[in-house]
Amino acid sequence: MLAGAALATLAAPVAAQQQEESNQTRQVLGRILDVILGPGEQDRKDGTDAERPTVAPLTMDQVLADPRRDEDRARDQFRHPAQTLSFFRVEPGQTVVDYMPAGGWYTRVLVPYLGSEGLYIGLTPDPAAADSERFENYVSQLPGRFREAAPGWSLTGAPMAVYGSQDLPEELNGQVDRVLIFREMHNLLRSGAMYTELTRIRGLLKPDGMVGIVQHRAKENAPADYTLGANGYLRESDVVGLMRVHGFELVDSSAINANYRDSANHPKGVWELPPTLGTKREELREIGESDRMTLLFRKR
């Protein structure tokens, strides 16, 4: 009995500290939601804030089987969303940044999976960081396109927001669990925006926050001229090196998204392969989508 009492005495401060940390996390999330969604999103009655309705996160199997993904599902065999997000240690309730979410393919997985206790943030590059007028014009339109398209997806789960990196609320700094970059590292490299964007991404992450990267993979002996971004392919060793000098350490790598049938030396770049088939060569359809590295980094 004495041992039990001693254990209870020792456990009490730990439990109190955990409860305090949980309360602090909820307070921070509440302030972030006020910034992102506006205080009007929190129904106010008699001067008090009503809690947001809780929507339980779906299992990954439920998410992937949802009819709202009917048009997306054909690419699951190449993108492996369940395995990829598991490898990136994405869990319900987290705050996750989806970098350059484009048409929302991963948005339609992440929002219901994170659940109402999580937070989904689409992030696009700062147009002013690009050294290409074409890229600047392109990325400046991305937040507006996302906001216009998102209501049509009828998603439930995590609150959603989208920002250009130049407009990020200060309240988000140090509050993000994961940043996911799907097949966009080549665009950061060729646009000249990499330093600005990775620096801001690092600032968003919690001390133990992580970055998950999926990227078209060039052969390690590929010529430098082929791997500067314009062809979509980068060498894995170069991506690891670029992340390291921007303040991240490699945690793990995976062959989840590998496709060794891809020669990764197409004259017109990765866009010769499905789904684009840019050169209309039907024989390339049999290869499938590109060979891809899957890398997990931790903020250091």
C-alpha atoms as a PDB file:
ATOM      1  CA  MET A   1       0.000   0.000   0.000  1.00  0.00           C
ATOM      2  CA  LEU A   2       2.880   2.318   0.792  1.00  0.00           C
ATOM      3  CA  ALA A   3       4.335   1.610  -2.638  1.00  0.00           C
ATOM      4  CA  GLY A   4       1.000   2.365  -4.251  1.00  0.00           C
ATOM      5  CA  ALA A   5       0.690   5.622  -2.348  1.00  0.00           C
ATOM      6  CA  ALA A   6       4.225   6.590  -3.336  1.00  0.00           C
ATOM      7  CA  LEU A   7       3.512   5.884  -6.989  1.00  0.00           C
ATOM      8  CA  ALA A   8       0.327   7.929  -6.818  1.00  0.00           C
ATOM      9  CA  THR A   9       2.250  10.798  -5.227  1.00  0.00           C
ATOM     10  CA  LEU A  10       4.865  10.676  -7.973  1.00  0.00           C
ATOM     11  CA  ALA A  11       2.274  10.356 -10.740  1.00  0.00           C
ATOM     12  CA  ALA A  12       0.172  13.312  -9.614  1.00  0.00           C
ATOM     13  CA  PRO A  13       2.637  16.066 -10.668  1.00  0.00           C
ATOM     14  CA  VAL A  14       3.218  14.313 -14.002  1.00  0.00           C
ATOM     15  CA  ALA A  15      -0.511  14.079 -14.677  1.00  0.00           C
ATOM     16  CA  ALA A  16      -0.962  17.719 -13.686  1.00  0.00           C
ATOM     17  CA  GLN A  17       1.840  18.786 -16.013  1.00  0.00           C
ATOM     18  CA  GLN A  18       0.359  16.769 -18.887  1.00  0.00           C
ATOM     19  CA  GLN A  19      -3.053  18.337 -18.273  1.00  0.00           C
ATOM     20  CA  GLU A  20      -1.488  21.809 -18.204  1.00  0.00           C
ATOM     21  CA  GLU A  21       0.337  21.140 -21.480  1.00  0.00           C
ATOM     22  CA  SER A  22      -2.901  19.864 -23.033  1.00  0.00           C
ATOM     23  CA  ASN A  23      -4.755  22.991 -21.890  1.00  0.00           C
ATOM     24  CA  GLN A  24      -2.010  25.220 -23.284  1.00  0.00           C
ATOM     25  CA  THR A  25      -2.144  23.386 -26.612  1.00  0.00           C
ATOM     26  CA  ARG A  26      -5.911  23.873 -26.815  1.00  0.00           C
ATOM     27  CA  GLN A  27      -5.561  27.572 -25.993  1.00  0.00           C
ATOM     28  CA  VAL A  28      -2.955  28.029 -28.717  1.00  0.00           C
ATOM     29  CA  LEU A  29      -5.113  26.140 -31.208  1.00  0.00           C
ATOM     30  CA  GLY A  30      -8.077  28.305 -30.265  1.00  0.00           C
ATOM     31  CA  ARG A  31      -6.093  31.497 -30.916  1.00  0.00           C
ATOM     32  CA  ILE A  32      -4.877  30.122 -34.232  1.00  0.00           C
ATOM     33  CA  LEU A  33      -8.420  29.231 -35.265  1.00  0.00           C
ATOM     34  CA  ASP A  34      -9.573  32.737 -34.357  1.00  0.00           C
ATOM     35  CA  VAL A  35      -6.894  34.123 -36.670  1.00  0.00           C
ATOM     36  CA  ILE A  36      -7.534  31.649 -39.481  1.00  0.00           C
ATOM     37  CA  LEU A  37     -11.305  31.311 -39.365  1.00  0.00           C
ATOM     38  CA  GLY A  38     -12.226  34.567 -37.669  1.00  0.00           C
ATOM     39  CA  PRO A  39     -13.800  34.876 -34.224  1.00  0.00           C
ATOM     40  CA  GLY A  40     -17.242  34.701 -35.819  1.00  0.00           C
ATOM     41  CA  GLU A  41     -16.624  31.031 -36.479  1.00  0.00           C
ATOM     42  CA  GLN A  42     -16.907  30.417 -32.749  1.00  0.00           C
ATOM     43  CA  ASP A  43     -20.627  30.817 -31.984  1.00  0.00           C
ATOM     44  CA  ARG A  44     -21.055  33.280 -29.145  1.00  0.00           C
ATOM     45  CA  LYS A  45     -23.952  33.036 -26.737  1.00  0.00           C
ATOM     46  CA  ASP A  46     -24.414  35.284 -23.715  1.00  0.00           C
ATOM     47  CA  GLY A  47     -20.856  36.475 -24.060  1.00  0.00           C
ATOM     48  CA  THR A  48     -19.309  32.986 -23.890  1.00  0.00           C
ATOM     49  CA  ASP A  49     -17.610  30.976 -26.625  1.00  0.00           C
ATOM     50  CA  ALA A  50     -19.326  27.770 -27.682  1.00  0.00           C
ATOM     51  CA  GLU A  51     -16.963  24.930 -28.442  1.00  0.00           C
ATOM     52  CA  ARG A  52     -16.525  23.844 -32.026  1.00  0.00           C
ATOM     53  CA  PRO A  53     -18.474  20.653 -32.769  1.00  0.00           C
ATOM     54  CA  THR A  54     -16.205  17.638 -32.527  1.00  0.00           C
ATOM     55  CA  VAL A  55     -16.045  15.438 -35.616  1.00  0.00           C
ATOM     56  CA  ALA A  56     -14.293  12.160 -34.964  1.00  0.00           C
ATOM     57  CA  PRO A  57     -11.488  11.499 -37.439  1.00  0.00           C
ATOM     58  CA  LEU A  58     -12.142   8.755 -39.935  1.00  0.00           C
ATOM     59  CA  THR A  59      -9.903   5.748 -40.237  1.00  0.00           C
ATOM     60  CA  MET A  60      -7.605   5.823 -43.235  1.00  0.00           C
ATOM     61  CA  ASP A  61      -9.601   3.004 -44.836  1.00  0.00           C
ATOM     62  CA  GLN A  62     -12.770   5.077 -44.475  1.00  0.00           C
ATOM     63  CA  VAL A  63     -11.072   8.146 -45.915  1.00  0.00           C
ATOM     64  CA  LEU A  64      -9.761   6.331 -48.968  1.00  0.00           C
ATOM     65  CA  ALA A  65     -13.117   4.637 -49.634  1.00  0.00           C
ATOM     66  CA  ASP A  66     -15.117   7.871 -49.398  1.00  0.00           C
ATOM     67  CA  PRO A  67     -17.159   8.577 -52.572  1.00  0.00           C
ATOM     68  CA  ARG A  68     -15.726  12.106 -52.642  1.00  0.00           C
ATOM     69  CA  ARG A  69     -12.452  10.476 -53.723  1.00  0.00           C
ATOM     70  CA  ASP A  70     -13.907   8.507 -56.615  1.00  0.00           C
ATOM     71  CA  GLU A  71     -11.983  10.540 -59.189  1.00  0.00           C
ATOM     72  CA  ASP A  72      -8.788  10.485 -57.099  1.00  0.00           C
ATOM     73  CA  ARG A  73      -8.654   6.771 -56.346  1.00  0.00           C
ATOM     74  CA  ALA A  74      -7.050   5.664 -59.622  1.00  0.00           C
ATOM     75  CA  ARG A  75      -3.782   7.285 -58.528  1.00  0.00           C
ATOM     76  CA  ASP A  76      -3.644   5.548 -55.150  1.00  0.00           C
ATOM     77  CA  GLN A  77      -1.630   2.739 -56.761  1.00  0.00           C
ATOM     78  CA  PHE A  78       1.125   5.244 -57.573  1.00  0.00           C
ATOM     79  CA  ARG A  79       0.857   7.637 -54.614  1.00  0.00           C
ATOM     80  CA  HIS A  80       0.220   5.104 -51.812  1.00  0.00           C
ATOM     81  CA  PRO A  81      -1.430   7.651 -49.497  1.00  0.00           C
ATOM     82  CA  ALA A  82      -1.993   5.343 -46.513  1.00  0.00           C
ATOM     83  CA  GLN A  83       1.578   4.049 -46.429  1.00  0.00           C
ATOM     84  CA  THR A  84       3.067   7.460 -47.187  1.00  0.00           C
ATOM     85  CA  LEU A  85       1.214   9.327 -44.432  1.00  0.00           C
ATOM     86  CA  SER A  86       1.972   6.535 -41.979  1.00  0.00           C
ATOM     87  CA  PHE A  87       5.666   6.790 -42.842  1.00  0.00           C
ATOM     88  CA  PHE A  88       5.490  10.555 -42.295  1.00  0.00           C
ATOM     89  CA  ARG A  89       3.928   9.863 -38.859  1.00  0.00           C
ATOM     90  CA  VAL A  90       0.838  11.917 -39.632  1.00  0.00           C
ATOM     91  CA  GLU A  91      -1.863  11.343 -37.019  1.00  0.00           C
ATOM     92  CA  PRO A  92      -5.384  12.641 -36.297  1.00  0.00           C
ATOM     93  CA  GLY A  93      -5.381  15.838 -34.261  1.00  0.00           C
ATOM     94  CA  GLN A  94      -2.154  17.198 -35.711  1.00  0.00           C
ATOM     95  CA  THR A  95      -1.578  20.552 -37.370  1.00  0.00           C
ATOM     96  CA  VAL A  96      -0.376  19.748 -40.886  1.00  0.00           C
ATOM     97  CA  VAL A  97       0.852  22.027 -43.663  1.00  0.00           C
ATOM     98  CA  ASP A  98       0.319  20.742 -47.210  1.00  0.00           C
ATOM     99  CA  TYR A  99       2.791  22.635 -49.377  1.00  0.00           C
ATOM    100  CA  MET A 100       1.412  23.656 -52.790  1.00  0.00           C
ATOM    101  CA  PRO A 101      -1.760  21.540 -52.533  1.00  0.00           C
ATOM    102  CA  ALA A 102      -2.661  22.235 -56.189  1.00  0.00           C
ATOM    103  CA  GLY A 103      -5.915  20.436 -57.038  1.00  0.00           C
ATOM    104  CA  GLY A 104      -6.408  19.163 -53.502  1.00  0.00           C
ATOM    105  CA  TRP A 105      -5.657  15.469 -54.030  1.00  0.00           C
ATOM    106  CA  TYR A 106      -4.030  15.131 -50.613  1.00  0.00           C
ATOM    107  CA  THR A 107      -6.376  17.724 -49.101  1.00  0.00           C
ATOM    108  CA  ARG A 108      -9.229  15.272 -49.608  1.00  0.00           C
ATOM    109  CA  VAL A 109      -7.270  12.684 -47.631  1.00  0.00           C
ATOM    110  CA  LEU A 110      -5.840  14.870 -44.884  1.00  0.00           C
ATOM    111  CA  VAL A 111      -8.853  16.957 -43.840  1.00  0.00           C
ATOM    112  CA  PRO A 112     -11.128  14.037 -42.885  1.00  0.00           C
ATOM    113  CA  TYR A 113      -8.223  12.029 -41.483  1.00  0.00           C
ATOM    114  CA  LEU A 114      -6.974  14.803 -39.167  1.00  0.00           C
ATOM    115  CA  GLY A 115     -10.465  15.278 -37.733  1.00  0.00           C
ATOM    116  CA  SER A 116     -11.897  18.333 -36.021  1.00  0.00           C
ATOM    117  CA  GLU A 117      -9.118  18.374 -33.409  1.00  0.00           C
ATOM    118  CA  GLY A 118      -6.561  18.797 -36.185  1.00  0.00           C
ATOM    119  CA  LEU A 119      -5.797  21.695 -38.490  1.00  0.00           C
ATOM    120  CA  TYR A 120      -5.089  21.641 -42.238  1.00  0.00           C
ATOM    121  CA  ILE A 121      -3.128  24.500 -43.809  1.00  0.00           C
ATOM    122  CA  GLY A 122      -2.438  24.786 -47.507  1.00  0.00           C
ATOM    123  CA  LEU A 123       0.736  26.779 -48.124  1.00  0.00           C
ATOM    124  CA  THR A 124       1.942  28.303 -51.378  1.00  0.00           C
ATOM    125  CA  PRO A 125       5.192  30.124 -52.236  1.00  0.00           C
ATOM    126  CA  ASP A 126       5.776  33.834 -51.830  1.00  0.00           C
ATOM    127  CA  PRO A 127       5.588  35.235 -55.385  1.00  0.00           C
ATOM    128  CA  ALA A 128       8.253  37.810 -54.525  1.00  0.00           C
ATOM    129  CA  ALA A 129      10.741  35.040 -53.690  1.00  0.00           C
ATOM    130  CA  ALA A 130      10.796  33.716 -57.247  1.00  0.00           C
ATOM    131  CA  ASP A 131      13.403  34.816 -59.762  1.00  0.00           C
ATOM    132  CA  SER A 132      11.084  33.971 -62.649  1.00  0.00           C
ATOM    133  CA  GLU A 133       8.201  36.226 -63.671  1.00  0.00           C
ATOM    134  CA  ARG A 134       6.342  33.212 -65.036  1.00  0.00           C
ATOM    135  CA  PHE A 135       6.598  31.372 -61.710  1.00  0.00           C
ATOM    136  CA  GLU A 136       5.727  34.535 -59.799  1.00  0.00           C
ATOM    137  CA  ASN A 137       2.529  34.987 -61.800  1.00  0.00           C
ATOM    138  CA  TYR A 138       1.628  31.322 -61.407  1.00  0.00           C
ATOM    139  CA  VAL A 139       2.034  31.043 -57.636  1.00  0.00           C
ATOM    140  CA  SER A 140       0.307  34.355 -56.944  1.00  0.00           C
ATOM    141  CA  GLN A 141      -2.931  32.768 -58.198  1.00  0.00           C
ATOM    142  CA  LEU A 142      -2.724  29.566 -56.147  1.00  0.00           C
ATOM    143  CA  PRO A 143      -4.370  30.635 -52.855  1.00  0.00           C
ATOM    144  CA  GLY A 144      -7.353  32.090 -54.692  1.00  0.00           C
ATOM    145  CA  ARG A 145      -7.776  28.982 -56.821  1.00  0.00           C
ATOM    146  CA  PHE A 146      -7.701  26.773 -53.755  1.00  0.00           C
ATOM    147  CA  ARG A 147     -10.268  28.890 -51.882  1.00  0.00           C
ATOM    148  CA  GLU A 148     -12.539  28.840 -54.928  1.00  0.00           C
ATOM    149  CA  ALA A 149     -12.342  25.065 -55.383  1.00  0.00           C
ATOM    150  CA  ALA A 150     -12.451  23.900 -51.755  1.00  0.00           C
ATOM    151  CA  PRO A 151     -16.197  24.379 -51.076  1.00  0.00           C
ATOM    152  CA  GLY A 152     -16.972  22.003 -53.941  1.00  0.00           C
ATOM    153  CA  TRP A 153     -15.176  19.175 -52.156  1.00  0.00           C
ATOM    154  CA  SER A 154     -17.688  19.270 -49.251  1.00  0.00           C
ATOM    155  CA  LEU A 155     -15.066  18.094 -46.766  1.00  0.00           C
ATOM    156  CA  THR A 156     -15.669  17.603 -43.051  1.00  0.00           C
ATOM    157  CA  GLY A 157     -12.997  17.189 -40.407  1.00  0.00           C
ATOM    158  CA  ALA A 158     -10.091  19.530 -39.798  1.00  0.00           C
ATOM    159  CA  PRO A 159     -10.578  23.290 -40.230  1.00  0.00           C
ATOM    160  CA  MET A 160      -8.916  24.441 -43.455  1.00  0.00           C
ATOM    161  CA  ALA A 161      -6.970  27.533 -44.441  1.00  0.00           C
ATOM    162  CA  VAL A 162      -4.599  28.483 -47.256  1.00  0.00           C
ATOM    163  CA  TYR A 163      -1.856  31.114 -47.312  1.00  0.00           C
ATOM    164  CA  GLY A 164       0.956  32.384 -49.397  1.00  0.00           C
ATOM    165  CA  SER A 165       4.009  32.028 -47.189  1.00  0.00           C
ATOM    166  CA  GLN A 166       4.361  35.827 -47.035  1.00  0.00           C
ATOM    167  CA  ASP A 167       0.953  36.054 -45.323  1.00  0.00           C
ATOM    168  CA  LEU A 168       1.359  33.422 -42.613  1.00  0.00           C
ATOM    169  CA  PRO A 169      -0.042  34.492 -39.220  1.00  0.00           C
ATOM    170  CA  GLU A 170       2.647  34.835 -36.570  1.00  0.00           C
ATOM    171  CA  GLU A 171       0.509  32.662 -34.290  1.00  0.00           C
ATOM    172  CA  LEU A 172       1.433  29.638 -36.409  1.00  0.00           C
ATOM    173  CA  ASN A 173       5.167  29.905 -35.748  1.00  0.00           C
ATOM    174  CA  GLY A 174       6.346  26.889 -33.783  1.00  0.00           C
ATOM    175  CA  GLN A 175       2.892  25.249 -33.828  1.00  0.00           C
ATOM    176  CA  VAL A 176       3.028  22.866 -36.819  1.00  0.00           C
ATOM    177  CA  ASP A 177       3.538  19.112 -36.423  1.00  0.00           C
ATOM    178  CA  ARG A 178       4.170  18.187 -40.053  1.00  0.00           C
ATOM    179  CA  VAL A 179       4.908  19.914 -43.341  1.00  0.00           C
ATOM    180  CA  LEU A 180       4.325  17.740 -46.409  1.00  0.00           C
ATOM    181  CA  ILE A 181       5.935  18.566 -49.754  1.00  0.00           C
ATOM    182  CA  PHE A 182       4.632  16.361 -52.549  1.00  0.00           C
ATOM    183  CA  ARG A 183       6.599  16.586 -55.820  1.00  0.00           C
ATOM    184  CA  GLU A 184       7.402  20.287 -55.486  1.00  0.00           C
ATOM    185  CA  MET A 185      11.096  20.432 -54.549  1.00  0.00           C
ATOM    186  CA  HIS A 186      12.072  20.815 -58.197  1.00  0.00           C
ATOM    187  CA  ASN A 187       9.841  23.881 -58.468  1.00  0.00           C
ATOM    188  CA  LEU A 188      11.428  25.439 -55.391  1.00  0.00           C
ATOM    189  CA  LEU A 189      14.869  24.822 -56.853  1.00  0.00           C
ATOM    190  CA  ARG A 190      14.247  26.112 -60.357  1.00  0.00           C
ATOM    191  CA  SER A 191      12.250  29.132 -59.199  1.00  0.00           C
ATOM    192  CA  GLY A 192      14.894  30.406 -56.790  1.00  0.00           C
ATOM    193  CA  ALA A 193      12.389  30.348 -53.916  1.00  0.00           C
ATOM    194  CA  MET A 194      13.909  27.473 -51.945  1.00  0.00           C
ATOM    195  CA  TYR A 195      15.784  29.482 -49.301  1.00  0.00           C
ATOM    196  CA  THR A 196      12.802  31.697 -48.500  1.00  0.00           C
ATOM    197  CA  GLU A 197      10.301  28.858 -48.404  1.00  0.00           C
ATOM    198  CA  LEU A 198      12.323  26.327 -46.407  1.00  0.00           C
ATOM    199  CA  THR A 199      13.290  29.026 -43.912  1.00  0.00           C
ATOM    200  CA  ARG A 200       9.635  29.884 -43.333  1.00  0.00           C
ATOM    201  CA  ILE A 201       8.680  26.215 -43.173  1.00  0.00           C
ATOM    202  CA  ARG A 202      11.315  25.629 -40.517  1.00  0.00           C
ATOM    203  CA  GLY A 203       9.909  28.525 -38.499  1.00  0.00           C
ATOM    204  CA  LEU A 204       6.431  26.988 -38.551  1.00  0.00           C
ATOM    205  CA  LEU A 205       7.502  23.671 -37.081  1.00  0.00           C
ATOM    206  CA  LYS A 206       7.436  22.672 -33.448  1.00  0.00           C
ATOM    207  CA  PRO A 207      10.856  21.795 -31.983  1.00  0.00           C
ATOM    208  CA  ASP A 208      10.216  18.136 -32.854  1.00  0.00           C
ATOM    209  CA  GLY A 209       8.323  18.920 -36.063  1.00  0.00           C
ATOM    210  CA  MET A 210       8.995  16.991 -39.252  1.00  0.00           C
ATOM    211  CA  VAL A 211       8.949  17.493 -43.019  1.00  0.00           C
ATOM    212  CA  GLY A 212       7.838  14.701 -45.330  1.00  0.00           C
ATOM    213  CA  ILE A 213       8.999  14.875 -48.942  1.00  0.00           C
ATOM    214  CA  VAL A 214       7.969  12.865 -51.993  1.00  0.00           C
ATOM    215  CA  GLN A 215       9.943  13.853 -55.083  1.00  0.00           C
ATOM    216  CA  HIS A 216      10.598  12.566 -58.599  1.00  0.00           C
ATOM    217  CA  ARG A 217      13.958  10.798 -58.354  1.00  0.00           C
ATOM    218  CA  ALA A 218      16.803  11.115 -60.837  1.00  0.00           C
ATOM    219  CA  LYS A 219      19.554   8.531 -61.064  1.00  0.00           C
ATOM    220  CA  GLU A 220      22.562   9.370 -58.904  1.00  0.00           C
ATOM    221  CA  ASN A 221      24.761   9.523 -62.021  1.00  0.00           C
ATOM    222  CA  ALA A 222      22.394  11.869 -63.872  1.00  0.00           C
ATOM    223  CA  PRO A 223      24.086  14.936 -65.411  1.00  0.00           C
ATOM    224  CA  ALA A 224      23.806  18.111 -63.360  1.00  0.00           C
ATOM    225  CA  ASP A 225      22.093  19.890 -66.239  1.00  0.00           C
ATOM    226  CA  TYR A 226      19.263  17.352 -66.017  1.00  0.00           C
ATOM    227  CA  THR A 227      18.714  17.733 -62.275  1.00  0.00           C
ATOM    228  CA  LEU A 228      18.388  21.486 -61.789  1.00  0.00           C
ATOM    229  CA  GLY A 229      14.603  21.303 -61.580  1.00  0.00           C
ATOM    230  CA  ALA A 230      13.374  21.965 -65.100  1.00  0.00           C
ATOM    231  CA  ASN A 231      12.862  18.250 -65.820  1.00  0.00           C
ATOM    232  CA  GLY A 232      11.095  17.496 -62.547  1.00  0.00           C
ATOM    233  CA  TYR A 233      13.727  15.003 -61.390  1.00  0.00           C
ATOM    234  CA  LEU A 234      16.213  15.602 -58.561  1.00  0.00           C
ATOM    235  CA  ARG A 235      18.895  13.323 -57.156  1.00  0.00           C
ATOM    236  CA  GLU A 236      18.064  11.969 -53.716  1.00  0.00           C
ATOM    237  CA  SER A 237      21.491  12.909 -52.389  1.00  0.00           C
ATOM    238  CA  ASP A 238      20.937  16.501 -53.534  1.00  0.00           C
ATOM    239  CA  VAL A 239      17.560  16.740 -51.790  1.00  0.00           C
ATOM    240  CA  VAL A 240      19.082  15.424 -48.565  1.00  0.00           C
ATOM    241  CA  GLY A 241      21.926  17.937 -48.874  1.00  0.00           C
ATOM    242  CA  LEU A 242      19.603  20.853 -49.600  1.00  0.00           C
ATOM    243  CA  MET A 243      17.455  20.035 -46.600  1.00  0.00           C
ATOM    244  CA  ARG A 244      20.500  19.670 -44.373  1.00  0.00           C
ATOM    245  CA  VAL A 245      21.861  23.122 -45.181  1.00  0.00           C
ATOM    246  CA  HIS A 246      18.400  24.587 -44.522  1.00  0.00           C
ATOM    247  CA  GLY A 247      18.278  23.222 -40.972  1.00  0.00           C
ATOM    248  CA  PHE A 248      16.861  19.702 -41.236  1.00  0.00           C
ATOM    249  CA  GLU A 249      18.262  16.237 -40.558  1.00  0.00           C
ATOM    250  CA  LEU A 250      17.247  13.060 -42.359  1.00  0.00           C
ATOM    251  CA  VAL A 251      15.269  10.710 -40.115  1.00  0.00           C
ATOM    252  CA  ASP A 252      14.400   7.935 -42.554  1.00  0.00           C
ATOM    253  CA  SER A 253      13.805   7.052 -46.199  1.00  0.00           C
ATOM    254  CA  SER A 254      11.396   4.624 -47.809  1.00  0.00           C
ATOM    255  CA  ALA A 255      10.839   2.839 -51.117  1.00  0.00           C
ATOM    256  CA  ILE A 256       7.048   3.206 -50.788  1.00  0.00           C
ATOM    257  CA  ASN A 257       6.801   5.348 -53.922  1.00  0.00           C
ATOM    258  CA  ALA A 258       9.657   3.812 -55.895  1.00  0.00           C
ATOM    259  CA  ASN A 259       9.105   2.734 -59.501  1.00  0.00           C
ATOM    260  CA  TYR A 260      12.244   1.130 -60.855  1.00  0.00           C
ATOM    261  CA  ARG A 261      10.730   0.804 -64.326  1.00  0.00           C
ATOM    262  CA  ASP A 262      11.195   4.545 -64.741  1.00  0.00           C
ATOM    263  CA  SER A 263      14.497   5.319 -66.474  1.00  0.00           C
ATOM    264  CA  ALA A 264      14.234   8.914 -65.201  1.00  0.00           C
ATOM    265  CA  ASN A 265      16.024  10.272 -68.274  1.00  0.00           C
ATOM    266  CA  HIS A 266      13.165  11.462 -70.466  1.00  0.00           C
ATOM    267  CA  PRO A 267      14.188  14.335 -72.776  1.00  0.00           C
ATOM    268  CA  LYS A 268      11.015  16.291 -71.963  1.00  0.00           C
ATOM    269  CA  GLY A 269      11.211  15.482 -68.278  1.00  0.00           C
ATOM    270  CA  VAL A 270       8.865  13.674 -65.927  1.00  0.00           C
ATOM    271  CA  TRP A 271       5.851  14.994 -67.806  1.00  0.00           C
ATOM    272  CA  GLU A 272       6.424  12.400 -70.543  1.00  0.00           C
ATOM    273  CA  LEU A 273       5.056   9.816 -68.104  1.00  0.00           C
ATOM    274  CA  PRO A 274       1.462   9.318 -66.963  1.00  0.00           C
ATOM    275  CA  PRO A 275      -0.758  10.995 -66.124  1.00  0.00           C
ATOM    276  CA  THR A 276       0.440  13.844 -68.374  1.00  0.00           C
ATOM    277  CA  LEU A 277       1.897  11.786 -71.253  1.00  0.00           C
ATOM    278  CA  GLY A 278       3.246  15.024 -72.656  1.00  0.00           C
ATOM    279  CA  THR A 279       4.810  13.442 -75.745  1.00  0.00           C
ATOM    280  CA  LYS A 280       1.759  11.236 -76.377  1.00  0.00           C
ATOM    281  CA  ARG A 281       3.894   8.078 -76.429  1.00  0.00           C
ATOM    282  CA  GLU A 282       1.448   5.403 -75.363  1.00  0.00           C
ATOM    283  CA  GLU A 283       4.231   2.906 -74.607  1.00  0.00           C
ATOM    284  CA  LEU A 284       5.212   5.071 -71.634  1.00  0.00           C
ATOM    285  CA  ARG A 285       1.847   4.373 -70.028  1.00  0.00           C
ATOM    286  CA  GLU A 286       3.063   0.875 -69.132  1.00  0.00           C
ATOM    287  CA  ILE A 287       5.823   2.356 -66.962  1.00  0.00           C
ATOM    288  CA  GLY A 288       3.329   4.057 -64.681  1.00  0.00           C
ATOM    289  CA  GLU A 289       4.069   7.254 -62.796  1.00  0.00           C
ATOM    290  CA  SER A 290       7.588   8.380 -61.930  1.00  0.00           C
ATOM    291  CA  ASP A 291      10.131   6.798 -59.599  1.00  0.00           C
ATOM    292  CA  ARG A 292       9.949   8.802 -56.373  1.00  0.00           C
ATOM    293  CA  MET A 293      12.015   9.198 -53.245  1.00  0.00           C
ATOM    294  CA  THR A 294      10.137   9.339 -49.937  1.00  0.00           C
ATOM    295  CA  LEU A 295      12.090  11.119 -47.203  1.00  0.00           C
ATOM    296  CA  LEU A 296      11.350  12.175 -43.632  1.00  0.00           C
ATOM    297  CA  PHE A 297      13.278  15.048 -42.031  1.00  0.00           C
ATOM    298  CA  ARG A 298      13.311  16.539 -38.558  1.00  0.00           C
ATOM    299  CA  LYS A 299      13.890  20.171 -37.703  1.00  0.00           C
ATOM    300  CA  ARG A 300      17.282  20.523 -36.028  1.00  0.00           C
END
